[in-house]
Amino acid sequence: MEITESFELSIGRSRSDHSDHYLAFAHLEQVLSNTDIESQSADLSTVVVEICLDKSR
């Protein structure tokens, strides 16, 4: 599988549901999150590369 195909298959909404248990504090924390992955046009590729190379972030 090519990397571009992998990215294309990832487009859409992903939901994560997990819990953390803190036995020392008798505490349960449930975390729900949604992640939206959208396709971007190729003309943004230079902006993405610049962000990835920016070491000040």
Foldseek 3Di string as FASTA:
>chain_A
DDPVVVLVVPAAKDKDWDWDADVVVRDIGIDIDMDGRDDDDPVCVVVVVVVVPPPVD
